[in-house]
């Protein structure tokens, strides 16, 4: 029980042990939740890396196309001015 007992009694020792066991179990569950959270975060970041890599490739292609278009228009412009 939770009655006041001298610290040296077997009941107090049992109570301390019970609290210790509960704390250990609570810590185990907390660590487990933390690992699951970290794993989910890692998977999410991996997914974002894939998406961003794909987007980056598309943007590089677009930059290349626009650069070539700009060069072509610049040449046309130069030819028209001559």
Protein backbone atom coordinates (compact mmCIF):
# COMPACT_ATOMS: atom_id res chain seq x y z
CA UNK A 1 0.00 0.00 0.00
CA UNK A 2 0.88 3.65 0.08
CA UNK A 3 0.81 3.93 3.88
CA UNK A 4 3.78 5.57 5.61
CA UNK A 5 6.27 2.92 6.69
CA UNK A 6 9.85 3.08 7.88
CA UNK A 7 12.25 2.78 4.93
CA UNK A 8 13.82 -0.41 6.24
CA UNK A 9 10.68 -2.57 6.23
CA UNK A 10 10.27 -5.33 3.63
CA UNK A 11 7.04 -3.71 2.40
CA UNK A 12 8.90 -0.44 1.67
CA UNK A 13 11.61 -2.38 -0.17
CA UNK A 14 8.94 -4.17 -2.24
CA UNK A 15 7.34 -0.83 -3.02
CA UNK A 16 10.66 0.64 -4.15
CA UNK A 17 11.30 -2.41 -6.34
CA UNK A 18 7.82 -2.12 -7.86
CA UNK A 19 8.39 1.57 -8.64
CA UNK A 20 11.78 0.72 -10.14
CA UNK A 21 10.24 -2.00 -12.33
CA UNK A 22 7.46 0.37 -13.48
CA UNK A 23 10.02 3.07 -14.28
CA UNK A 24 12.13 0.59 -16.27
CA UNK A 25 9.06 -0.55 -18.23
CA UNK A 26 8.04 3.04 -18.86
CA UNK A 27 11.56 3.84 -20.10
CA UNK A 28 11.51 0.79 -22.40
CA UNK A 29 8.20 1.90 -23.93
CA UNK A 30 9.46 5.46 -24.31
CA UNK A 31 12.62 4.21 -26.05
CA UNK A 32 10.51 2.02 -28.35
CA UNK A 33 8.30 4.97 -29.33
CA UNK A 34 11.39 7.05 -29.91
CA UNK A 35 12.90 4.37 -32.22
CA UNK A 36 9.64 4.09 -34.17
CA UNK A 37 9.44 7.86 -34.53
CA UNK A 38 13.05 8.00 -35.73
CA UNK A 39 12.43 5.19 -38.24
CA UNK A 40 9.33 6.93 -39.63
CA UNK A 41 11.28 10.19 -39.89
CA UNK A 42 14.08 8.40 -41.74
CA UNK A 43 11.64 6.82 -44.21
CA UNK A 44 9.99 10.20 -44.81
CA UNK A 45 13.36 11.83 -45.48
CA UNK A 46 14.30 9.02 -47.87
CA UNK A 47 11.08 9.56 -49.75
CA UNK A 48 11.72 13.32 -49.94
CA UNK A 49 15.23 12.69 -51.27
CA UNK A 50 13.72 10.64 -54.10
CA UNK A 51 11.14 13.30 -54.96
CA UNK A 52 13.60 16.17 -54.79
CA UNK A 53 16.18 14.31 -56.89
CA UNK A 54 13.54 13.71 -59.55
CA UNK A 55 12.45 17.36 -59.45
CA UNK A 56 16.08 18.48 -59.66
CA UNK A 57 16.64 16.41 -62.82
CA UNK A 58 13.54 17.94 -64.43
CA UNK A 59 14.73 21.44 -63.55
CA UNK A 60 18.21 20.77 -64.97
CA UNK A 61 16.61 19.64 -68.23
CA UNK A 62 14.46 22.77 -68.29
CA UNK A 63 17.47 25.04 -67.62
CA UNK A 64 19.38 23.34 -70.46
CA UNK A 65 16.44 23.79 -72.85
CA UNK A 66 15.96 27.44 -71.92
CA UNK A 67 19.70 28.15 -72.18
CA UNK A 68 19.76 26.68 -75.69
CA UNK A 69 16.64 28.65 -76.61
CA UNK A 70 18.22 31.84 -75.30
CA UNK A 71 21.40 31.23 -77.33
CA UNK A 72 19.34 30.59 -80.48
CA UNK A 73 17.29 33.77 -79.96
CA UNK A 74 20.46 35.75 -79.31
CA UNK A 75 21.92 34.50 -82.59
CA UNK A 76 18.69 35.36 -84.43
CA UNK A 77 18.76 38.81 -82.88
CA UNK A 78 22.38 39.35 -83.95
CA UNK A 79 21.57 38.19 -87.50
CA UNK A 80 18.59 40.53 -87.73
CA UNK A 81 20.66 43.51 -86.62
CA UNK A 82 23.27 42.93 -89.32
